[in-house]
């Protein structure tokens, strides 16, 4: 489970999507905007287009773990950003998702 301080509240999803910058990848799009909380907050959108409930839940678990690992590896655990990951395509490979998220975070740092 994602620690509470890293969870993006539901009421912030729409504002992050509307005002945030977007970085698209093969499996999904990373949307990010600044916050003033003191730590990154993360939310995931995995629609029914991805598959049945089992597939969606598996992808959400993999995204959650790969996102936290990527943030720790890139030493970004103290940045003030809200992140929303919108999944486009099903992927059940942890390494592929982690690599994509790391690439998207690096693109975000370069902007």
C-alpha atoms as a PDB file:
ATOM      1  CA  UNK A   1       0.000   0.000   0.000  1.00  0.00           C
ATOM      2  CA  UNK A   2       1.117   3.515  -0.772  1.00  0.00           C
ATOM      3  CA  UNK A   3       1.981   5.469   2.401  1.00  0.00           C
ATOM      4  CA  UNK A   4      -0.617   8.156   3.127  1.00  0.00           C
ATOM      5  CA  UNK A   5       1.784  11.062   2.669  1.00  0.00           C
ATOM      6  CA  UNK A   6       2.429   9.922  -0.926  1.00  0.00           C
ATOM      7  CA  UNK A   7      -1.249   9.597  -1.930  1.00  0.00           C
ATOM      8  CA  UNK A   8      -2.782  12.211  -4.184  1.00  0.00           C
ATOM      9  CA  UNK A   9      -6.213  13.157  -2.775  1.00  0.00           C
ATOM     10  CA  UNK A  10      -9.155  12.581  -5.107  1.00  0.00           C
ATOM     11  CA  UNK A  11     -10.086  16.269  -5.103  1.00  0.00           C
ATOM     12  CA  UNK A  12      -6.678  17.132  -6.641  1.00  0.00           C
ATOM     13  CA  UNK A  13      -6.900  14.753  -9.637  1.00  0.00           C
ATOM     14  CA  UNK A  14      -8.780  17.162 -11.907  1.00  0.00           C
ATOM     15  CA  UNK A  15      -6.613  20.186 -11.118  1.00  0.00           C
ATOM     16  CA  UNK A  16      -3.389  18.219 -11.680  1.00  0.00           C
ATOM     17  CA  UNK A  17      -4.675  16.984 -15.038  1.00  0.00           C
ATOM     18  CA  UNK A  18      -5.872  20.438 -16.124  1.00  0.00           C
ATOM     19  CA  UNK A  19      -2.892  22.532 -15.016  1.00  0.00           C
ATOM     20  CA  UNK A  20      -0.073  19.994 -15.127  1.00  0.00           C
ATOM     21  CA  UNK A  21       2.527  19.262 -17.753  1.00  0.00           C
ATOM     22  CA  UNK A  22       2.273  15.948 -19.552  1.00  0.00           C
ATOM     23  CA  UNK A  23       4.934  13.430 -20.568  1.00  0.00           C
ATOM     24  CA  UNK A  24       3.649  10.563 -22.700  1.00  0.00           C
ATOM     25  CA  UNK A  25       5.120   7.060 -22.826  1.00  0.00           C
ATOM     26  CA  UNK A  26       4.204   3.745 -24.401  1.00  0.00           C
ATOM     27  CA  UNK A  27       2.087   2.467 -21.500  1.00  0.00           C
ATOM     28  CA  UNK A  28       0.779   5.726 -20.097  1.00  0.00           C
ATOM     29  CA  UNK A  29       1.104   9.434 -19.532  1.00  0.00           C
ATOM     30  CA  UNK A  30       2.694  11.131 -16.535  1.00  0.00           C
ATOM     31  CA  UNK A  31       1.035  14.407 -15.539  1.00  0.00           C
ATOM     32  CA  UNK A  32       2.791  16.577 -12.972  1.00  0.00           C
ATOM     33  CA  UNK A  33       2.310  19.928 -11.281  1.00  0.00           C
ATOM     34  CA  UNK A  34       3.903  21.636  -8.317  1.00  0.00           C
ATOM     35  CA  UNK A  35       2.493  21.384  -4.816  1.00  0.00           C
ATOM     36  CA  UNK A  36       3.420  22.949  -1.488  1.00  0.00           C
ATOM     37  CA  UNK A  37       3.171  19.828   0.668  1.00  0.00           C
ATOM     38  CA  UNK A  38       6.884  19.014   0.926  1.00  0.00           C
ATOM     39  CA  UNK A  39       6.825  15.578  -0.670  1.00  0.00           C
ATOM     40  CA  UNK A  40       5.629  14.015  -3.927  1.00  0.00           C
ATOM     41  CA  UNK A  41       2.045  12.758  -4.101  1.00  0.00           C
ATOM     42  CA  UNK A  42       1.003  10.118  -6.613  1.00  0.00           C
ATOM     43  CA  UNK A  43      -2.316   9.075  -8.124  1.00  0.00           C
ATOM     44  CA  UNK A  44      -3.072   6.410 -10.735  1.00  0.00           C
ATOM     45  CA  UNK A  45      -5.831   6.211 -13.341  1.00  0.00           C
ATOM     46  CA  UNK A  46      -6.285   2.733 -14.813  1.00  0.00           C
ATOM     47  CA  UNK A  47      -9.516   2.599 -16.829  1.00  0.00           C
ATOM     48  CA  UNK A  48     -11.597  -0.346 -17.933  1.00  0.00           C
ATOM     49  CA  UNK A  49      -9.946  -0.115 -21.372  1.00  0.00           C
ATOM     50  CA  UNK A  50      -6.902  -1.780 -19.779  1.00  0.00           C
ATOM     51  CA  UNK A  51      -8.766  -4.990 -18.985  1.00  0.00           C
ATOM     52  CA  UNK A  52     -10.813  -6.710 -16.321  1.00  0.00           C
ATOM     53  CA  UNK A  53     -10.546  -5.925 -12.596  1.00  0.00           C
ATOM     54  CA  UNK A  54      -7.712  -8.403 -12.021  1.00  0.00           C
ATOM     55  CA  UNK A  55      -5.584  -6.888 -14.785  1.00  0.00           C
ATOM     56  CA  UNK A  56      -6.290  -3.315 -13.664  1.00  0.00           C
ATOM     57  CA  UNK A  57      -5.436  -4.068 -10.063  1.00  0.00           C
ATOM     58  CA  UNK A  58      -2.232  -5.881 -11.011  1.00  0.00           C
ATOM     59  CA  UNK A  59      -1.108  -2.971 -13.161  1.00  0.00           C
ATOM     60  CA  UNK A  60      -1.908  -0.507 -10.365  1.00  0.00           C
ATOM     61  CA  UNK A  61       0.192  -2.526  -7.896  1.00  0.00           C
ATOM     62  CA  UNK A  62       3.098  -2.680 -10.351  1.00  0.00           C
ATOM     63  CA  UNK A  63       2.825   1.042 -11.082  1.00  0.00           C
ATOM     64  CA  UNK A  64       2.786   1.881  -7.388  1.00  0.00           C
ATOM     65  CA  UNK A  65       5.927  -0.130  -6.650  1.00  0.00           C
ATOM     66  CA  UNK A  66       7.816   0.936  -9.748  1.00  0.00           C
ATOM     67  CA  UNK A  67       6.987   4.603  -9.172  1.00  0.00           C
ATOM     68  CA  UNK A  68       8.237   4.572  -5.573  1.00  0.00           C
ATOM     69  CA  UNK A  69      11.401   2.699  -6.575  1.00  0.00           C
ATOM     70  CA  UNK A  70      12.088   5.091  -9.458  1.00  0.00           C
ATOM     71  CA  UNK A  71      11.657   8.138  -7.212  1.00  0.00           C
ATOM     72  CA  UNK A  72      14.045   6.666  -4.645  1.00  0.00           C
ATOM     73  CA  UNK A  73      16.638   5.724  -7.287  1.00  0.00           C
ATOM     74  CA  UNK A  74      16.561   9.219  -8.783  1.00  0.00           C
ATOM     75  CA  UNK A  75      16.761  10.859  -5.304  1.00  0.00           C
ATOM     76  CA  UNK A  76      13.504  12.724  -5.885  1.00  0.00           C
ATOM     77  CA  UNK A  77      11.789  11.833  -2.610  1.00  0.00           C
ATOM     78  CA  UNK A  78      11.808  15.446  -1.381  1.00  0.00           C
ATOM     79  CA  UNK A  79      10.461  17.232  -4.479  1.00  0.00           C
ATOM     80  CA  UNK A  80       7.220  19.209  -4.285  1.00  0.00           C
ATOM     81  CA  UNK A  81       5.190  17.741  -7.133  1.00  0.00           C
ATOM     82  CA  UNK A  82       1.863  16.023  -7.575  1.00  0.00           C
ATOM     83  CA  UNK A  83       1.944  13.169 -10.076  1.00  0.00           C
ATOM     84  CA  UNK A  84      -0.874  11.480 -11.906  1.00  0.00           C
ATOM     85  CA  UNK A  85      -0.189   8.452 -14.081  1.00  0.00           C
ATOM     86  CA  UNK A  86      -2.866   7.727 -16.699  1.00  0.00           C
ATOM     87  CA  UNK A  87      -2.462   4.196 -18.076  1.00  0.00           C
ATOM     88  CA  UNK A  88      -3.103   3.593 -21.796  1.00  0.00           C
ATOM     89  CA  UNK A  89      -1.984   0.025 -22.328  1.00  0.00           C
ATOM     90  CA  UNK A  90      -1.723  -3.068 -20.132  1.00  0.00           C
ATOM     91  CA  UNK A  91       1.745  -4.140 -19.044  1.00  0.00           C
ATOM     92  CA  UNK A  92       2.469  -6.774 -16.413  1.00  0.00           C
ATOM     93  CA  UNK A  93       6.271  -6.468 -16.544  1.00  0.00           C
ATOM     94  CA  UNK A  94       7.654  -4.559 -13.564  1.00  0.00           C
ATOM     95  CA  UNK A  95      10.965  -3.774 -15.275  1.00  0.00           C
ATOM     96  CA  UNK A  96       9.300  -2.209 -18.342  1.00  0.00           C
ATOM     97  CA  UNK A  97       7.013  -0.021 -16.253  1.00  0.00           C
ATOM     98  CA  UNK A  98       9.856   1.078 -13.992  1.00  0.00           C
ATOM     99  CA  UNK A  99      12.058   1.972 -16.968  1.00  0.00           C
ATOM    100  CA  UNK A 100       9.273   3.977 -18.587  1.00  0.00           C
ATOM    101  CA  UNK A 101       8.523   5.866 -15.369  1.00  0.00           C
ATOM    102  CA  UNK A 102      12.225   6.615 -14.849  1.00  0.00           C
ATOM    103  CA  UNK A 103      12.442   7.988 -18.401  1.00  0.00           C
ATOM    104  CA  UNK A 104       9.348  10.128 -17.865  1.00  0.00           C
ATOM    105  CA  UNK A 105      10.728  11.465 -14.565  1.00  0.00           C
ATOM    106  CA  UNK A 106      14.027  12.316 -16.257  1.00  0.00           C
ATOM    107  CA  UNK A 107      12.140  14.190 -18.990  1.00  0.00           C
ATOM    108  CA  UNK A 108      10.258  16.020 -16.255  1.00  0.00           C
ATOM    109  CA  UNK A 109      13.528  17.046 -14.564  1.00  0.00           C
ATOM    110  CA  UNK A 110      14.869  18.393 -17.882  1.00  0.00           C
ATOM    111  CA  UNK A 111      11.791  20.613 -18.473  1.00  0.00           C
END
